[in-house]
Each structure stands twice: as structure tokens, then as C-alpha cells.
Amino acid sequence: MSKATFYHAGCPVCIEAEQTFLSYLDVNKVQPEIVHLGTQPDRIREAEVAGVKSVPAVVIDGIVYHINFGASMEDVKKG
């Protein structure tokens, strides 16, 4: 089974993307994990290492898909 990690910062763009993404995801094929970087700042480095440049973004099997530009990772780090 594939793993999809959805990173976001809690902004309206991120929340809308998360809801849309989850509604289309086939959970029989992909195991989703939602990571809110605003409440889980200890995972920011993980997202950066995975290649996330802005949020919202999803990483599926090591490939990053930037969904919409909500905030840069630099903005996320500032909190």
C-alpha cells in the first residue's frame, strides 16, 4: 500500500485542499497521514527533507506534489 503524507499549515487554502484531497483519495490503495505543521512544528524538517517547498503539499511514495501555494516553508517556520 502506498503512503500519502499531506502537509499543511492550517490556513484556509490548506484546509480546503486537505478536504478535497481526502475526498478523492482511495484509502484502499493509499494510507493517508495529515500533518498540520502549525501544531506539529517538530515535523517541519521532515517535510523539507521530503522536498516540500510550500504548503499545502502531499508526498506520495517519496514524490512531492505541491497543490496550491498557501505558504512557503520559510513562512511556516516563522509560525
PDB file of N, CA and C in Angstrom:
ATOM      1  N   MET A   1       0.852  -1.180   0.000  1.00  0.00           N
ATOM      2  CA  MET A   1       0.000   0.000   0.000  1.00  0.00           C
ATOM      3  C   MET A   1       0.892   1.236   0.000  1.00  0.00           C
ATOM      4  N   SER A   2       0.517   2.212  -0.765  1.00  0.00           N
ATOM      5  CA  SER A   2       1.230   3.481  -0.818  1.00  0.00           C
ATOM      6  C   SER A   2       0.891   4.327   0.403  1.00  0.00           C
ATOM      7  N   LYS A   3       1.790   5.254   0.716  1.00  0.00           N
ATOM      8  CA  LYS A   3       1.563   6.189   1.820  1.00  0.00           C
ATOM      9  C   LYS A   3       1.516   7.598   1.255  1.00  0.00           C
ATOM     10  N   ALA A   4       0.546   8.377   1.707  1.00  0.00           N
ATOM     11  CA  ALA A   4       0.417   9.773   1.303  1.00  0.00           C
ATOM     12  C   ALA A   4       0.447  10.636   2.556  1.00  0.00           C
ATOM     13  N   THR A   5       1.440  11.513   2.637  1.00  0.00           N
ATOM     14  CA  THR A   5       1.536  12.430   3.766  1.00  0.00           C
ATOM     15  C   THR A   5       1.169  13.818   3.273  1.00  0.00           C
ATOM     16  N   PHE A   6       0.095  14.360   3.814  1.00  0.00           N
ATOM     17  CA  PHE A   6      -0.418  15.673   3.428  1.00  0.00           C
ATOM     18  C   PHE A   6       0.064  16.685   4.459  1.00  0.00           C
ATOM     19  N   TYR A   7       0.900  17.618   4.028  1.00  0.00           N
ATOM     20  CA  TYR A   7       1.429  18.650   4.917  1.00  0.00           C
ATOM     21  C   TYR A   7       0.667  19.954   4.687  1.00  0.00           C
ATOM     22  N   HIS A   8       0.295  20.600   5.785  1.00  0.00           N
ATOM     23  CA  HIS A   8      -0.354  21.896   5.668  1.00  0.00           C
ATOM     24  C   HIS A   8      -0.097  22.724   6.918  1.00  0.00           C
ATOM     25  N   ALA A   9      -0.488  23.998   6.868  1.00  0.00           N
ATOM     26  CA  ALA A   9      -0.228  24.913   7.980  1.00  0.00           C
ATOM     27  C   ALA A   9      -1.512  25.430   8.629  1.00  0.00           C
ATOM     28  N   GLY A  10      -2.640  24.909   8.211  1.00  0.00           N
ATOM     29  CA  GLY A  10      -3.898  25.293   8.843  1.00  0.00           C
ATOM     30  C   GLY A  10      -4.606  26.484   8.238  1.00  0.00           C
ATOM     31  N   CYS A  11      -4.048  27.081   7.194  1.00  0.00           N
ATOM     32  CA  CYS A  11      -4.688  28.233   6.559  1.00  0.00           C
ATOM     33  C   CYS A  11      -5.919  27.768   5.763  1.00  0.00           C
ATOM     34  N   PRO A  12      -6.806  28.683   5.386  1.00  0.00           N
ATOM     35  CA  PRO A  12      -8.000  28.289   4.638  1.00  0.00           C
ATOM     36  C   PRO A  12      -7.687  27.544   3.334  1.00  0.00           C
ATOM     37  N   VAL A  13      -6.648  27.961   2.621  1.00  0.00           N
ATOM     38  CA  VAL A  13      -6.261  27.268   1.383  1.00  0.00           C
ATOM     39  C   VAL A  13      -5.873  25.827   1.698  1.00  0.00           C
ATOM     40  N   CYS A  14      -5.109  25.649   2.774  1.00  0.00           N
ATOM     41  CA  CYS A  14      -4.662  24.310   3.173  1.00  0.00           C
ATOM     42  C   CYS A  14      -5.828  23.422   3.581  1.00  0.00           C
ATOM     43  N   ILE A  15      -6.729  23.955   4.366  1.00  0.00           N
ATOM     44  CA  ILE A  15      -7.872  23.173   4.845  1.00  0.00           C
ATOM     45  C   ILE A  15      -8.759  22.750   3.678  1.00  0.00           C
ATOM     46  N   GLU A  16      -9.008  23.652   2.758  1.00  0.00           N
ATOM     47  CA  GLU A  16      -9.819  23.305   1.587  1.00  0.00           C
ATOM     48  C   GLU A  16      -9.127  22.228   0.760  1.00  0.00           C
ATOM     49  N   ALA A  17      -7.812  22.366   0.558  1.00  0.00           N
ATOM     50  CA  ALA A  17      -7.061  21.368  -0.207  1.00  0.00           C
ATOM     51  C   ALA A  17      -7.090  20.018   0.504  1.00  0.00           C
ATOM     52  N   GLU A  18      -6.947  20.025   1.819  1.00  0.00           N
ATOM     53  CA  GLU A  18      -6.985  18.773   2.585  1.00  0.00           C
ATOM     54  C   GLU A  18      -8.328  18.075   2.400  1.00  0.00           C
ATOM     55  N   GLN A  19      -9.417  18.811   2.558  1.00  0.00           N
ATOM     56  CA  GLN A  19     -10.743  18.212   2.430  1.00  0.00           C
ATOM     57  C   GLN A  19     -10.975  17.664   1.026  1.00  0.00           C
ATOM     58  N   THR A  20     -10.556  18.419   0.011  1.00  0.00           N
ATOM     59  CA  THR A  20     -10.720  17.969  -1.370  1.00  0.00           C
ATOM     60  C   THR A  20      -9.866  16.732  -1.625  1.00  0.00           C
ATOM     61  N   PHE A  21      -8.604  16.797  -1.206  1.00  0.00           N
ATOM     62  CA  PHE A  21      -7.681  15.691  -1.401  1.00  0.00           C
ATOM     63  C   PHE A  21      -8.235  14.414  -0.764  1.00  0.00           C
ATOM     64  N   LEU A  22      -8.659  14.499   0.486  1.00  0.00           N
ATOM     65  CA  LEU A  22      -9.157  13.313   1.178  1.00  0.00           C
ATOM     66  C   LEU A  22     -10.423  12.754   0.539  1.00  0.00           C
ATOM     67  N   SER A  23     -11.245  13.632  -0.024  1.00  0.00           N
ATOM     68  CA  SER A  23     -12.488  13.155  -0.636  1.00  0.00           C
ATOM     69  C   SER A  23     -12.227  12.339  -1.905  1.00  0.00           C
ATOM     70  N   TYR A  24     -11.099  12.563  -2.563  1.00  0.00           N
ATOM     71  CA  TYR A  24     -10.768  11.838  -3.785  1.00  0.00           C
ATOM     72  C   TYR A  24      -9.832  10.658  -3.560  1.00  0.00           C
ATOM     73  N   LEU A  25      -9.269  10.555  -2.395  1.00  0.00           N
ATOM     74  CA  LEU A  25      -8.278   9.532  -2.111  1.00  0.00           C
ATOM     75  C   LEU A  25      -8.929   8.161  -1.920  1.00  0.00           C
ATOM     76  N   ASP A  26      -8.393   7.159  -2.584  1.00  0.00           N
ATOM     77  CA  ASP A  26      -8.861   5.788  -2.426  1.00  0.00           C
ATOM     78  C   ASP A  26      -8.070   5.145  -1.286  1.00  0.00           C
ATOM     79  N   VAL A  27      -8.675   5.081  -0.118  1.00  0.00           N
ATOM     80  CA  VAL A  27      -7.975   4.569   1.065  1.00  0.00           C
ATOM     81  C   VAL A  27      -7.689   3.070   0.966  1.00  0.00           C
ATOM     82  N   ASN A  28      -8.225   2.406  -0.048  1.00  0.00           N
ATOM     83  CA  ASN A  28      -7.878   1.006  -0.286  1.00  0.00           C
ATOM     84  C   ASN A  28      -6.523   0.888  -0.979  1.00  0.00           C
ATOM     85  N   LYS A  29      -6.039   1.999  -1.540  1.00  0.00           N
ATOM     86  CA  LYS A  29      -4.767   1.996  -2.253  1.00  0.00           C
ATOM     87  C   LYS A  29      -3.697   2.833  -1.572  1.00  0.00           C
ATOM     88  N   VAL A  30      -4.139   3.848  -0.822  1.00  0.00           N
ATOM     89  CA  VAL A  30      -3.205   4.802  -0.225  1.00  0.00           C
ATOM     90  C   VAL A  30      -3.554   5.033   1.232  1.00  0.00           C
ATOM     91  N   GLN A  31      -2.551   4.935   2.078  1.00  0.00           N
ATOM     92  CA  GLN A  31      -2.724   5.211   3.511  1.00  0.00           C
ATOM     93  C   GLN A  31      -2.417   6.687   3.751  1.00  0.00           C
ATOM     94  N   PRO A  32      -3.414   7.497   4.122  1.00  0.00           N
ATOM     95  CA  PRO A  32      -3.179   8.930   4.318  1.00  0.00           C
ATOM     96  C   PRO A  32      -2.693   9.269   5.730  1.00  0.00           C
ATOM     97  N   GLU A  33      -1.882  10.306   5.790  1.00  0.00           N
ATOM     98  CA  GLU A  33      -1.490  10.897   7.067  1.00  0.00           C
ATOM     99  C   GLU A  33      -1.555  12.405   6.881  1.00  0.00           C
ATOM    100  N   ILE A  34      -2.216  13.089   7.786  1.00  0.00           N
ATOM    101  CA  ILE A  34      -2.334  14.539   7.732  1.00  0.00           C
ATOM    102  C   ILE A  34      -1.382  15.127   8.764  1.00  0.00           C
ATOM    103  N   VAL A  35      -0.538  16.052   8.319  1.00  0.00           N
ATOM    104  CA  VAL A  35       0.420  16.693   9.219  1.00  0.00           C
ATOM    105  C   VAL A  35       0.173  18.197   9.194  1.00  0.00           C
ATOM    106  N   HIS A  36      -0.304  18.725  10.305  1.00  0.00           N
ATOM    107  CA  HIS A  36      -0.542  20.161  10.464  1.00  0.00           C
ATOM    108  C   HIS A  36       0.737  20.737  11.057  1.00  0.00           C
ATOM    109  N   LEU A  37       1.522  21.413  10.239  1.00  0.00           N
ATOM    110  CA  LEU A  37       2.820  21.919  10.673  1.00  0.00           C
ATOM    111  C   LEU A  37       2.707  23.045  11.694  1.00  0.00           C
ATOM    112  N   GLY A  38       1.555  23.672  11.779  1.00  0.00           N
ATOM    113  CA  GLY A  38       1.342  24.700  12.795  1.00  0.00           C
ATOM    114  C   GLY A  38       1.259  24.108  14.194  1.00  0.00           C
ATOM    115  N   THR A  39       0.692  22.920  14.291  1.00  0.00           N
ATOM    116  CA  THR A  39       0.577  22.255  15.582  1.00  0.00           C
ATOM    117  C   THR A  39       1.624  21.161  15.773  1.00  0.00           C
ATOM    118  N   GLN A  40       2.356  20.834  14.700  1.00  0.00           N
ATOM    119  CA  GLN A  40       3.414  19.828  14.764  1.00  0.00           C
ATOM    120  C   GLN A  40       4.710  20.399  14.167  1.00  0.00           C
ATOM    121  N   PRO A  41       5.220  21.490  14.736  1.00  0.00           N
ATOM    122  CA  PRO A  41       6.410  22.124  14.144  1.00  0.00           C
ATOM    123  C   PRO A  41       7.646  21.219  14.154  1.00  0.00           C
ATOM    124  N   ASP A  42       7.648  20.200  14.990  1.00  0.00           N
ATOM    125  CA  ASP A  42       8.759  19.259  15.007  1.00  0.00           C
ATOM    126  C   ASP A  42       8.850  18.445  13.714  1.00  0.00           C
ATOM    127  N   ARG A  43       7.830  18.525  12.857  1.00  0.00           N
ATOM    128  CA  ARG A  43       7.827  17.773  11.595  1.00  0.00           C
ATOM    129  C   ARG A  43       8.184  18.644  10.390  1.00  0.00           C
ATOM    130  N   ILE A  44       8.507  19.921  10.634  1.00  0.00           N
ATOM    131  CA  ILE A  44       8.879  20.819   9.533  1.00  0.00           C
ATOM    132  C   ILE A  44      10.108  20.297   8.809  1.00  0.00           C
ATOM    133  N   ARG A  45      11.126  19.903   9.554  1.00  0.00           N
ATOM    134  CA  ARG A  45      12.355  19.405   8.932  1.00  0.00           C
ATOM    135  C   ARG A  45      12.073  18.168   8.080  1.00  0.00           C
ATOM    136  N   GLU A  46      11.227  17.288   8.569  1.00  0.00           N
ATOM    137  CA  GLU A  46      10.818  16.097   7.807  1.00  0.00           C
ATOM    138  C   GLU A  46      10.225  16.490   6.455  1.00  0.00           C
ATOM    139  N   ALA A  47       9.345  17.488   6.476  1.00  0.00           N
ATOM    140  CA  ALA A  47       8.713  17.949   5.239  1.00  0.00           C
ATOM    141  C   ALA A  47       9.751  18.521   4.282  1.00  0.00           C
ATOM    142  N   GLU A  48      10.675  19.308   4.819  1.00  0.00           N
ATOM    143  CA  GLU A  48      11.720  19.895   3.974  1.00  0.00           C
ATOM    144  C   GLU A  48      12.614  18.818   3.361  1.00  0.00           C
ATOM    145  N   VAL A  49      12.992  17.837   4.151  1.00  0.00           N
ATOM    146  CA  VAL A  49      13.831  16.742   3.641  1.00  0.00           C
ATOM    147  C   VAL A  49      13.098  15.975   2.542  1.00  0.00           C
ATOM    148  N   ALA A  50      11.785  15.858   2.675  1.00  0.00           N
ATOM    149  CA  ALA A  50      10.981  15.177   1.658  1.00  0.00           C
ATOM    150  C   ALA A  50      10.871  15.994   0.371  1.00  0.00           C
ATOM    151  N   GLY A  51      11.222  17.283   0.428  1.00  0.00           N
ATOM    152  CA  GLY A  51      11.170  18.128  -0.755  1.00  0.00           C
ATOM    153  C   GLY A  51      10.043  19.133  -0.789  1.00  0.00           C
ATOM    154  N   VAL A  52       9.300  19.255   0.307  1.00  0.00           N
ATOM    155  CA  VAL A  52       8.198  20.208   0.361  1.00  0.00           C
ATOM    156  C   VAL A  52       8.758  21.628   0.402  1.00  0.00           C
ATOM    157  N   LYS A  53       8.331  22.451  -0.544  1.00  0.00           N
ATOM    158  CA  LYS A  53       8.780  23.848  -0.642  1.00  0.00           C
ATOM    159  C   LYS A  53       7.713  24.830  -0.169  1.00  0.00           C
ATOM    160  N   SER A  54       6.458  24.402  -0.236  1.00  0.00           N
ATOM    161  CA  SER A  54       5.335  25.223   0.205  1.00  0.00           C
ATOM    162  C   SER A  54       4.193  24.292   0.578  1.00  0.00           C
ATOM    163  N   VAL A  55       3.272  24.818   1.353  1.00  0.00           N
ATOM    164  CA  VAL A  55       2.102  24.032   1.741  1.00  0.00           C
ATOM    165  C   VAL A  55       0.840  24.726   1.235  1.00  0.00           C
ATOM    166  N   PRO A  56      -0.174  23.976   0.921  1.00  0.00           N
ATOM    167  CA  PRO A  56      -0.328  22.549   1.103  1.00  0.00           C
ATOM    168  C   PRO A  56       0.452  21.744   0.065  1.00  0.00           C
ATOM    169  N   ALA A  57       0.898  20.578   0.507  1.00  0.00           N
ATOM    170  CA  ALA A  57       1.609  19.659  -0.381  1.00  0.00           C
ATOM    171  C   ALA A  57       1.367  18.241   0.125  1.00  0.00           C
ATOM    172  N   VAL A  58       1.459  17.305  -0.793  1.00  0.00           N
ATOM    173  CA  VAL A  58       1.329  15.902  -0.420  1.00  0.00           C
ATOM    174  C   VAL A  58       2.538  15.157  -0.967  1.00  0.00           C
ATOM    175  N   VAL A  59       3.040  14.239  -0.171  1.00  0.00           N
ATOM    176  CA  VAL A  59       4.147  13.385  -0.589  1.00  0.00           C
ATOM    177  C   VAL A  59       3.591  11.966  -0.684  1.00  0.00           C
ATOM    178  N   ILE A  60       3.628  11.423  -1.885  1.00  0.00           N
ATOM    179  CA  ILE A  60       3.143  10.064  -2.119  1.00  0.00           C
ATOM    180  C   ILE A  60       4.310   9.227  -2.599  1.00  0.00           C
ATOM    181  N   ASP A  61       4.655   8.235  -1.819  1.00  0.00           N
ATOM    182  CA  ASP A  61       5.759   7.341  -2.138  1.00  0.00           C
ATOM    183  C   ASP A  61       7.024   8.102  -2.522  1.00  0.00           C
ATOM    184  N   GLY A  62       7.312   9.165  -1.767  1.00  0.00           N
ATOM    185  CA  GLY A  62       8.539   9.923  -1.968  1.00  0.00           C
ATOM    186  C   GLY A  62       8.485  11.004  -3.032  1.00  0.00           C
ATOM    187  N   ILE A  63       7.360  11.164  -3.701  1.00  0.00           N
ATOM    188  CA  ILE A  63       7.210  12.190  -4.735  1.00  0.00           C
ATOM    189  C   ILE A  63       6.343  13.313  -4.177  1.00  0.00           C
ATOM    190  N   VAL A  64       6.835  14.560  -4.281  1.00  0.00           N
ATOM    191  CA  VAL A  64       6.128  15.723  -3.733  1.00  0.00           C
ATOM    192  C   VAL A  64       5.209  16.319  -4.791  1.00  0.00           C
ATOM    193  N   TYR A  65       3.992  16.602  -4.386  1.00  0.00           N
ATOM    194  CA  TYR A  65       3.016  17.287  -5.231  1.00  0.00           C
ATOM    195  C   TYR A  65       2.587  18.549  -4.485  1.00  0.00           C
ATOM    196  N   HIS A  66       2.972  19.697  -5.027  1.00  0.00           N
ATOM    197  CA  HIS A  66       2.561  20.973  -4.436  1.00  0.00           C
ATOM    198  C   HIS A  66       1.194  21.306  -5.019  1.00  0.00           C
ATOM    199  N   ILE A  67       0.218  21.406  -4.145  1.00  0.00           N
ATOM    200  CA  ILE A  67      -1.173  21.514  -4.579  1.00  0.00           C
ATOM    201  C   ILE A  67      -1.565  22.940  -4.924  1.00  0.00           C
ATOM    202  N   ASN A  68      -1.233  23.857  -4.073  1.00  0.00           N
ATOM    203  CA  ASN A  68      -1.589  25.254  -4.257  1.00  0.00           C
ATOM    204  C   ASN A  68      -0.637  26.036  -3.370  1.00  0.00           C
ATOM    205  N   PHE A  69      -0.318  27.240  -3.714  1.00  0.00           N
ATOM    206  CA  PHE A  69       0.625  27.979  -2.885  1.00  0.00           C
ATOM    207  C   PHE A  69      -0.126  28.682  -1.767  1.00  0.00           C
ATOM    208  N   GLY A  70      -0.032  28.131  -0.561  1.00  0.00           N
ATOM    209  CA  GLY A  70      -0.637  28.737   0.613  1.00  0.00           C
ATOM    210  C   GLY A  70       0.394  29.492   1.424  1.00  0.00           C
ATOM    211  N   ALA A  71       1.555  28.827   1.675  1.00  0.00           N
ATOM    212  CA  ALA A  71       2.632  29.439   2.448  1.00  0.00           C
ATOM    213  C   ALA A  71       3.941  28.727   2.122  1.00  0.00           C
ATOM    214  N   SER A  72       4.993  29.487   2.043  1.00  0.00           N
ATOM    215  CA  SER A  72       6.305  28.890   1.837  1.00  0.00           C
ATOM    216  C   SER A  72       6.748  28.217   3.128  1.00  0.00           C
ATOM    217  N   MET A  73       7.701  27.325   3.046  1.00  0.00           N
ATOM    218  CA  MET A  73       8.207  26.676   4.258  1.00  0.00           C
ATOM    219  C   MET A  73       8.884  27.699   5.167  1.00  0.00           C
ATOM    220  N   GLU A  74       9.460  28.748   4.601  1.00  0.00           N
ATOM    221  CA  GLU A  74      10.049  29.802   5.422  1.00  0.00           C
ATOM    222  C   GLU A  74       8.980  30.497   6.260  1.00  0.00           C
ATOM    223  N   ASP A  75       7.822  30.747   5.649  1.00  0.00           N
ATOM    224  CA  ASP A  75       6.707  31.338   6.392  1.00  0.00           C
ATOM    225  C   ASP A  75       6.203  30.403   7.488  1.00  0.00           C
ATOM    226  N   VAL A  76       6.157  29.120   7.176  1.00  0.00           N
ATOM    227  CA  VAL A  76       5.702  28.131   8.159  1.00  0.00           C
ATOM    228  C   VAL A  76       6.643  28.122   9.363  1.00  0.00           C
ATOM    229  N   LYS A  77       7.943  28.200   9.122  1.00  0.00           N
ATOM    230  CA  LYS A  77       8.917  28.190  10.211  1.00  0.00           C
ATOM    231  C   LYS A  77       8.772  29.398  11.121  1.00  0.00           C
ATOM    232  N   LYS A  78       8.341  30.514  10.562  1.00  0.00           N
ATOM    233  CA  LYS A  78       8.155  31.732  11.370  1.00  0.00           C
ATOM    234  C   LYS A  78       6.959  31.605  12.307  1.00  0.00           C
ATOM    235  N   GLY A  79       6.051  30.687  11.941  1.00  0.00           N
ATOM    236  CA  GLY A  79       4.887  30.426  12.785  1.00  0.00           C
ATOM    237  C   GLY A  79       3.861  31.430  12.621  1.00  0.00           C
TER     238      GLY A  79
END
